């Protein structure tokens, strides 16, 4: 009868509401954890703590050193050289995770001099990235799914650093909220997909 149908519908809606509240809580918790990791990373970058001794050596001893043309040898760590809107911070930090403590240098000459300066033990964990590295061609935008946004479109940095960040972020895309990451991963197996919380 009508009463039973209404009762069943109310129970079903209540179950849906409980599930959505549970999902909302989980998403909020994930965002809080991501924000906490990001804030910790920013503090480490600002203070230099947590960086390998070789990285600290390069930053401290070469940041103010310039070549014959007056150009600094070192720009800084990758983590300190880009900006983005707050909502994209966790996604970009996740995509750049393996590169954040790498050092951007302004020329091949700088790489040679820095390598000569560092002790063998220190250099083992120092990765130098030339800002003049060539960037391979990227897929045409029309080939991408509408739920995917290349992270290269979301990063903000100085013009001379853009080629380097395009190289580091090549193939990395932000997955739109509400889309199915697993299905997109199957469709685009060669891409690195990340959501707003930084989950890959």
C-alpha atoms as a PDB file:
ATOM      1  CA  UNK A   1       0.000   0.000   0.000  1.00  0.00           C
ATOM      2  CA  UNK A   2       0.949   3.688  -0.121  1.00  0.00           C
ATOM      3  CA  UNK A   3       2.199   3.841   3.477  1.00  0.00           C
ATOM      4  CA  UNK A   4       4.548   0.899   2.911  1.00  0.00           C
ATOM      5  CA  UNK A   5       5.866   2.414  -0.319  1.00  0.00           C
ATOM      6  CA  UNK A   6       6.530   5.735   1.386  1.00  0.00           C
ATOM      7  CA  UNK A   7       8.214   3.984   4.296  1.00  0.00           C
ATOM      8  CA  UNK A   8      10.479   2.011   1.948  1.00  0.00           C
ATOM      9  CA  UNK A   9      11.361   5.176   0.052  1.00  0.00           C
ATOM     10  CA  UNK A  10      12.183   7.020   3.279  1.00  0.00           C
ATOM     11  CA  UNK A  11      14.406   4.143   4.416  1.00  0.00           C
ATOM     12  CA  UNK A  12      16.169   4.087   1.066  1.00  0.00           C
ATOM     13  CA  UNK A  13      16.770   7.838   1.147  1.00  0.00           C
ATOM     14  CA  UNK A  14      18.039   7.597   4.712  1.00  0.00           C
ATOM     15  CA  UNK A  15      20.510   4.909   3.674  1.00  0.00           C
ATOM     16  CA  UNK A  16      21.703   7.075   0.777  1.00  0.00           C
ATOM     17  CA  UNK A  17      22.091  10.046   3.119  1.00  0.00           C
ATOM     18  CA  UNK A  18      24.164   8.003   5.568  1.00  0.00           C
ATOM     19  CA  UNK A  19      26.407   6.761   2.753  1.00  0.00           C
ATOM     20  CA  UNK A  20      26.931  10.272   1.417  1.00  0.00           C
ATOM     21  CA  UNK A  21      27.745  11.600   4.886  1.00  0.00           C
ATOM     22  CA  UNK A  22      30.307   8.817   5.308  1.00  0.00           C
ATOM     23  CA  UNK A  23      31.878   9.634   1.932  1.00  0.00           C
ATOM     24  CA  UNK A  24      31.928  13.339   2.791  1.00  0.00           C
ATOM     25  CA  UNK A  25      33.707  12.642   6.074  1.00  0.00           C
ATOM     26  CA  UNK A  26      36.287  10.470   4.327  1.00  0.00           C
ATOM     27  CA  UNK A  27      36.936  13.138   1.696  1.00  0.00           C
ATOM     28  CA  UNK A  28      37.312  15.796   4.391  1.00  0.00           C
ATOM     29  CA  UNK A  29      39.787  13.585   6.260  1.00  0.00           C
ATOM     30  CA  UNK A  30      41.796  12.968   3.087  1.00  0.00           C
ATOM     31  CA  UNK A  31      41.890  16.682   2.349  1.00  0.00           C
ATOM     32  CA  UNK A  32      43.038  17.440   5.902  1.00  0.00           C
ATOM     33  CA  UNK A  33      45.847  14.887   5.605  1.00  0.00           C
ATOM     34  CA  UNK A  34      46.881  16.282   2.200  1.00  0.00           C
ATOM     35  CA  UNK A  35      46.855  19.860   3.513  1.00  0.00           C
ATOM     36  CA  UNK A  36      48.954  18.799   6.494  1.00  0.00           C
ATOM     37  CA  UNK A  37      51.550  17.090   4.287  1.00  0.00           C
ATOM     38  CA  UNK A  38      51.659  20.109   2.000  1.00  0.00           C
ATOM     39  CA  UNK A  39      52.141  22.552   4.891  1.00  0.00           C
ATOM     40  CA  UNK A  40      54.940  20.401   6.295  1.00  0.00           C
ATOM     41  CA  UNK A  41      56.616  20.366   2.907  1.00  0.00           C
ATOM     42  CA  UNK A  42      56.400  24.152   2.609  1.00  0.00           C
ATOM     43  CA  UNK A  43      57.975  24.563   6.039  1.00  0.00           C
ATOM     44  CA  UNK A  44      60.800  22.185   5.143  1.00  0.00           C
ATOM     45  CA  UNK A  45      61.481  24.090   1.938  1.00  0.00           C
ATOM     46  CA  UNK A  46      61.446  27.439   3.717  1.00  0.00           C
ATOM     47  CA  UNK A  47      63.863  26.349   6.453  1.00  0.00           C
ATOM     48  CA  UNK A  48      65.995  23.956   4.413  1.00  0.00           C
ATOM     49  CA  UNK A  49      65.458  21.273   7.062  1.00  0.00           C
ATOM     50  CA  UNK A  50      64.915  17.772   5.775  1.00  0.00           C
ATOM     51  CA  UNK A  51      66.991  18.402   2.655  1.00  0.00           C
ATOM     52  CA  UNK A  52      69.965  16.213   1.848  1.00  0.00           C
ATOM     53  CA  UNK A  53      73.301  17.734   2.930  1.00  0.00           C
ATOM     54  CA  UNK A  54      74.440  17.933  -0.681  1.00  0.00           C
ATOM     55  CA  UNK A  55      71.314  19.872  -1.653  1.00  0.00           C
ATOM     56  CA  UNK A  56      71.837  22.302   1.222  1.00  0.00           C
ATOM     57  CA  UNK A  57      75.475  22.738   0.188  1.00  0.00           C
ATOM     58  CA  UNK A  58      74.543  23.630  -3.384  1.00  0.00           C
ATOM     59  CA  UNK A  59      71.799  26.051  -2.332  1.00  0.00           C
ATOM     60  CA  UNK A  60      73.908  27.840   0.250  1.00  0.00           C
ATOM     61  CA  UNK A  61      77.169  28.047  -1.720  1.00  0.00           C
ATOM     62  CA  UNK A  62      75.925  28.606  -5.255  1.00  0.00           C
ATOM     63  CA  UNK A  63      72.738  30.643  -4.906  1.00  0.00           C
ATOM     64  CA  UNK A  64      74.665  33.930  -5.006  1.00  0.00           C
ATOM     65  CA  UNK A  65      77.331  32.784  -7.450  1.00  0.00           C
ATOM     66  CA  UNK A  66      76.999  34.137 -11.009  1.00  0.00           C
ATOM     67  CA  UNK A  67      78.592  33.352 -14.330  1.00  0.00           C
ATOM     68  CA  UNK A  68      80.480  35.767 -16.588  1.00  0.00           C
ATOM     69  CA  UNK A  69      77.178  37.150 -17.867  1.00  0.00           C
ATOM     70  CA  UNK A  70      75.890  37.941 -14.377  1.00  0.00           C
ATOM     71  CA  UNK A  71      73.403  35.069 -14.361  1.00  0.00           C
ATOM     72  CA  UNK A  72      72.996  33.073 -11.102  1.00  0.00           C
ATOM     73  CA  UNK A  73      74.154  29.467 -11.220  1.00  0.00           C
ATOM     74  CA  UNK A  74      71.275  28.163  -9.101  1.00  0.00           C
ATOM     75  CA  UNK A  75      67.591  29.088  -9.078  1.00  0.00           C
ATOM     76  CA  UNK A  76      66.614  26.870  -6.117  1.00  0.00           C
ATOM     77  CA  UNK A  77      64.834  23.610  -5.388  1.00  0.00           C
ATOM     78  CA  UNK A  78      61.913  22.617  -7.585  1.00  0.00           C
ATOM     79  CA  UNK A  79      59.597  22.838  -4.559  1.00  0.00           C
ATOM     80  CA  UNK A  80      60.441  26.507  -4.064  1.00  0.00           C
ATOM     81  CA  UNK A  81      60.116  27.565  -7.696  1.00  0.00           C
ATOM     82  CA  UNK A  82      56.449  27.163  -8.547  1.00  0.00           C
ATOM     83  CA  UNK A  83      53.055  28.436  -7.453  1.00  0.00           C
ATOM     84  CA  UNK A  84      49.478  27.429  -8.110  1.00  0.00           C
ATOM     85  CA  UNK A  85      45.974  28.063  -6.840  1.00  0.00           C
ATOM     86  CA  UNK A  86      45.309  26.636  -3.383  1.00  0.00           C
ATOM     87  CA  UNK A  87      42.937  23.961  -4.651  1.00  0.00           C
ATOM     88  CA  UNK A  88      45.648  22.506  -6.910  1.00  0.00           C
ATOM     89  CA  UNK A  89      48.539  22.521  -4.429  1.00  0.00           C
ATOM     90  CA  UNK A  90      48.152  18.916  -3.260  1.00  0.00           C
ATOM     91  CA  UNK A  91      47.809  17.610  -6.829  1.00  0.00           C
ATOM     92  CA  UNK A  92      50.953  19.368  -8.048  1.00  0.00           C
ATOM     93  CA  UNK A  93      52.979  18.408  -4.966  1.00  0.00           C
ATOM     94  CA  UNK A  94      51.985  14.787  -5.541  1.00  0.00           C
ATOM     95  CA  UNK A  95      52.882  14.842  -9.248  1.00  0.00           C
ATOM     96  CA  UNK A  96      56.245  16.513  -8.524  1.00  0.00           C
ATOM     97  CA  UNK A  97      56.943  14.410  -5.427  1.00  0.00           C
ATOM     98  CA  UNK A  98      60.105  12.741  -6.774  1.00  0.00           C
ATOM     99  CA  UNK A  99      61.518  16.046  -8.023  1.00  0.00           C
ATOM    100  CA  UNK A 100      60.776  18.485  -5.190  1.00  0.00           C
ATOM    101  CA  UNK A 101      64.291  18.482  -3.740  1.00  0.00           C
ATOM    102  CA  UNK A 102      66.003  18.553  -7.129  1.00  0.00           C
ATOM    103  CA  UNK A 103      67.882  21.740  -7.942  1.00  0.00           C
ATOM    104  CA  UNK A 104      67.204  23.903 -10.976  1.00  0.00           C
ATOM    105  CA  UNK A 105      70.382  25.366 -12.436  1.00  0.00           C
ATOM    106  CA  UNK A 106      70.628  27.939 -15.182  1.00  0.00           C
ATOM    107  CA  UNK A 107      73.201  26.361 -17.495  1.00  0.00           C
ATOM    108  CA  UNK A 108      75.270  23.296 -18.294  1.00  0.00           C
ATOM    109  CA  UNK A 109      78.315  25.266 -17.113  1.00  0.00           C
ATOM    110  CA  UNK A 110      76.728  25.500 -13.666  1.00  0.00           C
ATOM    111  CA  UNK A 111      76.184  21.737 -13.581  1.00  0.00           C
ATOM    112  CA  UNK A 112      79.869  21.088 -14.351  1.00  0.00           C
ATOM    113  CA  UNK A 113      81.129  23.457 -11.655  1.00  0.00           C
ATOM    114  CA  UNK A 114      78.691  22.184  -9.019  1.00  0.00           C
ATOM    115  CA  UNK A 115      79.590  18.577  -9.691  1.00  0.00           C
ATOM    116  CA  UNK A 116      83.279  19.404  -9.348  1.00  0.00           C
ATOM    117  CA  UNK A 117      82.618  21.161  -6.059  1.00  0.00           C
ATOM    118  CA  UNK A 118      80.565  18.478  -4.358  1.00  0.00           C
ATOM    119  CA  UNK A 119      82.107  15.571  -2.538  1.00  0.00           C
ATOM    120  CA  UNK A 120      81.286  12.163  -3.983  1.00  0.00           C
ATOM    121  CA  UNK A 121      79.173  11.192  -0.986  1.00  0.00           C
ATOM    122  CA  UNK A 122      77.125  14.368  -1.109  1.00  0.00           C
ATOM    123  CA  UNK A 123      76.582  14.287  -4.837  1.00  0.00           C
ATOM    124  CA  UNK A 124      75.002  10.840  -4.739  1.00  0.00           C
ATOM    125  CA  UNK A 125      71.663  12.373  -3.728  1.00  0.00           C
ATOM    126  CA  UNK A 126      71.866  15.683  -5.559  1.00  0.00           C
ATOM    127  CA  UNK A 127      69.914  15.900  -8.814  1.00  0.00           C
ATOM    128  CA  UNK A 128      70.602  18.929 -10.981  1.00  0.00           C
ATOM    129  CA  UNK A 129      68.013  20.037 -13.532  1.00  0.00           C
ATOM    130  CA  UNK A 130      69.056  22.343 -16.334  1.00  0.00           C
ATOM    131  CA  UNK A 131      66.476  25.009 -17.153  1.00  0.00           C
ATOM    132  CA  UNK A 132      67.414  24.737 -20.818  1.00  0.00           C
ATOM    133  CA  UNK A 133      66.498  21.073 -21.228  1.00  0.00           C
ATOM    134  CA  UNK A 134      64.531  20.363 -24.372  1.00  0.00           C
ATOM    135  CA  UNK A 135      60.905  19.358 -23.911  1.00  0.00           C
ATOM    136  CA  UNK A 136      59.520  16.463 -26.006  1.00  0.00           C
ATOM    137  CA  UNK A 137      56.337  17.117 -27.914  1.00  0.00           C
ATOM    138  CA  UNK A 138      53.122  16.744 -25.937  1.00  0.00           C
ATOM    139  CA  UNK A 139      49.925  15.055 -27.171  1.00  0.00           C
ATOM    140  CA  UNK A 140      47.390  17.293 -28.861  1.00  0.00           C
ATOM    141  CA  UNK A 141      44.793  18.586 -26.412  1.00  0.00           C
ATOM    142  CA  UNK A 142      41.962  17.114 -28.464  1.00  0.00           C
ATOM    143  CA  UNK A 143      43.264  13.637 -27.639  1.00  0.00           C
ATOM    144  CA  UNK A 144      42.633  14.136 -23.922  1.00  0.00           C
ATOM    145  CA  UNK A 145      39.406  13.238 -22.154  1.00  0.00           C
ATOM    146  CA  UNK A 146      37.375  16.314 -21.073  1.00  0.00           C
ATOM    147  CA  UNK A 147      37.704  15.164 -17.438  1.00  0.00           C
ATOM    148  CA  UNK A 148      41.503  15.500 -17.621  1.00  0.00           C
ATOM    149  CA  UNK A 149      43.453  18.747 -17.277  1.00  0.00           C
ATOM    150  CA  UNK A 150      47.232  18.769 -17.945  1.00  0.00           C
ATOM    151  CA  UNK A 151      49.027  19.920 -14.795  1.00  0.00           C
ATOM    152  CA  UNK A 152      51.275  22.055 -16.994  1.00  0.00           C
ATOM    153  CA  UNK A 153      48.268  24.358 -17.368  1.00  0.00           C
ATOM    154  CA  UNK A 154      47.958  24.784 -13.593  1.00  0.00           C
ATOM    155  CA  UNK A 155      51.550  25.496 -12.591  1.00  0.00           C
ATOM    156  CA  UNK A 156      52.779  29.074 -12.292  1.00  0.00           C
ATOM    157  CA  UNK A 157      56.469  29.937 -12.404  1.00  0.00           C
ATOM    158  CA  UNK A 158      58.941  32.365 -13.935  1.00  0.00           C
ATOM    159  CA  UNK A 159      59.002  32.305 -17.763  1.00  0.00           C
ATOM    160  CA  UNK A 160      62.545  30.926 -17.924  1.00  0.00           C
ATOM    161  CA  UNK A 161      61.500  27.980 -15.748  1.00  0.00           C
ATOM    162  CA  UNK A 162      58.429  26.986 -17.763  1.00  0.00           C
ATOM    163  CA  UNK A 163      60.293  24.568 -20.089  1.00  0.00           C
ATOM    164  CA  UNK A 164      61.668  22.694 -17.097  1.00  0.00           C
ATOM    165  CA  UNK A 165      58.275  22.357 -15.428  1.00  0.00           C
ATOM    166  CA  UNK A 166      56.696  21.264 -18.713  1.00  0.00           C
ATOM    167  CA  UNK A 167      59.282  18.487 -18.844  1.00  0.00           C
ATOM    168  CA  UNK A 168      58.762  17.417 -15.216  1.00  0.00           C
ATOM    169  CA  UNK A 169      54.959  17.443 -15.517  1.00  0.00           C
ATOM    170  CA  UNK A 170      54.671  15.954 -18.975  1.00  0.00           C
ATOM    171  CA  UNK A 171      51.969  13.273 -19.001  1.00  0.00           C
ATOM    172  CA  UNK A 172      50.552  14.325 -15.604  1.00  0.00           C
ATOM    173  CA  UNK A 173      46.865  15.289 -15.510  1.00  0.00           C
ATOM    174  CA  UNK A 174      44.324  16.374 -12.930  1.00  0.00           C
ATOM    175  CA  UNK A 175      41.203  14.208 -12.771  1.00  0.00           C
ATOM    176  CA  UNK A 176      37.967  16.176 -12.464  1.00  0.00           C
ATOM    177  CA  UNK A 177      35.938  15.661  -9.291  1.00  0.00           C
ATOM    178  CA  UNK A 178      33.158  13.161  -9.883  1.00  0.00           C
ATOM    179  CA  UNK A 179      34.878  11.312 -12.713  1.00  0.00           C
ATOM    180  CA  UNK A 180      36.018   7.676 -12.549  1.00  0.00           C
ATOM    181  CA  UNK A 181      39.837   7.569 -12.156  1.00  0.00           C
ATOM    182  CA  UNK A 182      40.041   3.809 -12.694  1.00  0.00           C
ATOM    183  CA  UNK A 183      38.244   3.973 -16.036  1.00  0.00           C
ATOM    184  CA  UNK A 184      40.365   6.926 -17.135  1.00  0.00           C
ATOM    185  CA  UNK A 185      43.537   5.084 -16.110  1.00  0.00           C
ATOM    186  CA  UNK A 186      42.557   2.203 -18.370  1.00  0.00           C
ATOM    187  CA  UNK A 187      41.853   4.589 -21.233  1.00  0.00           C
ATOM    188  CA  UNK A 188      45.115   6.507 -20.756  1.00  0.00           C
ATOM    189  CA  UNK A 189      47.638   4.019 -19.298  1.00  0.00           C
ATOM    190  CA  UNK A 190      50.609   6.228 -20.186  1.00  0.00           C
ATOM    191  CA  UNK A 191      49.392   9.211 -18.170  1.00  0.00           C
ATOM    192  CA  UNK A 192      49.928   9.980 -14.493  1.00  0.00           C
ATOM    193  CA  UNK A 193      46.482  10.831 -13.124  1.00  0.00           C
ATOM    194  CA  UNK A 194      46.061  12.683  -9.828  1.00  0.00           C
ATOM    195  CA  UNK A 195      43.027  14.110  -8.017  1.00  0.00           C
ATOM    196  CA  UNK A 196      42.645  17.294  -5.976  1.00  0.00           C
ATOM    197  CA  UNK A 197      43.662  15.475  -2.777  1.00  0.00           C
ATOM    198  CA  UNK A 198      46.925  14.365  -4.366  1.00  0.00           C
ATOM    199  CA  UNK A 199      45.938  10.727  -4.793  1.00  0.00           C
ATOM    200  CA  UNK A 200      47.508   9.070  -7.834  1.00  0.00           C
END
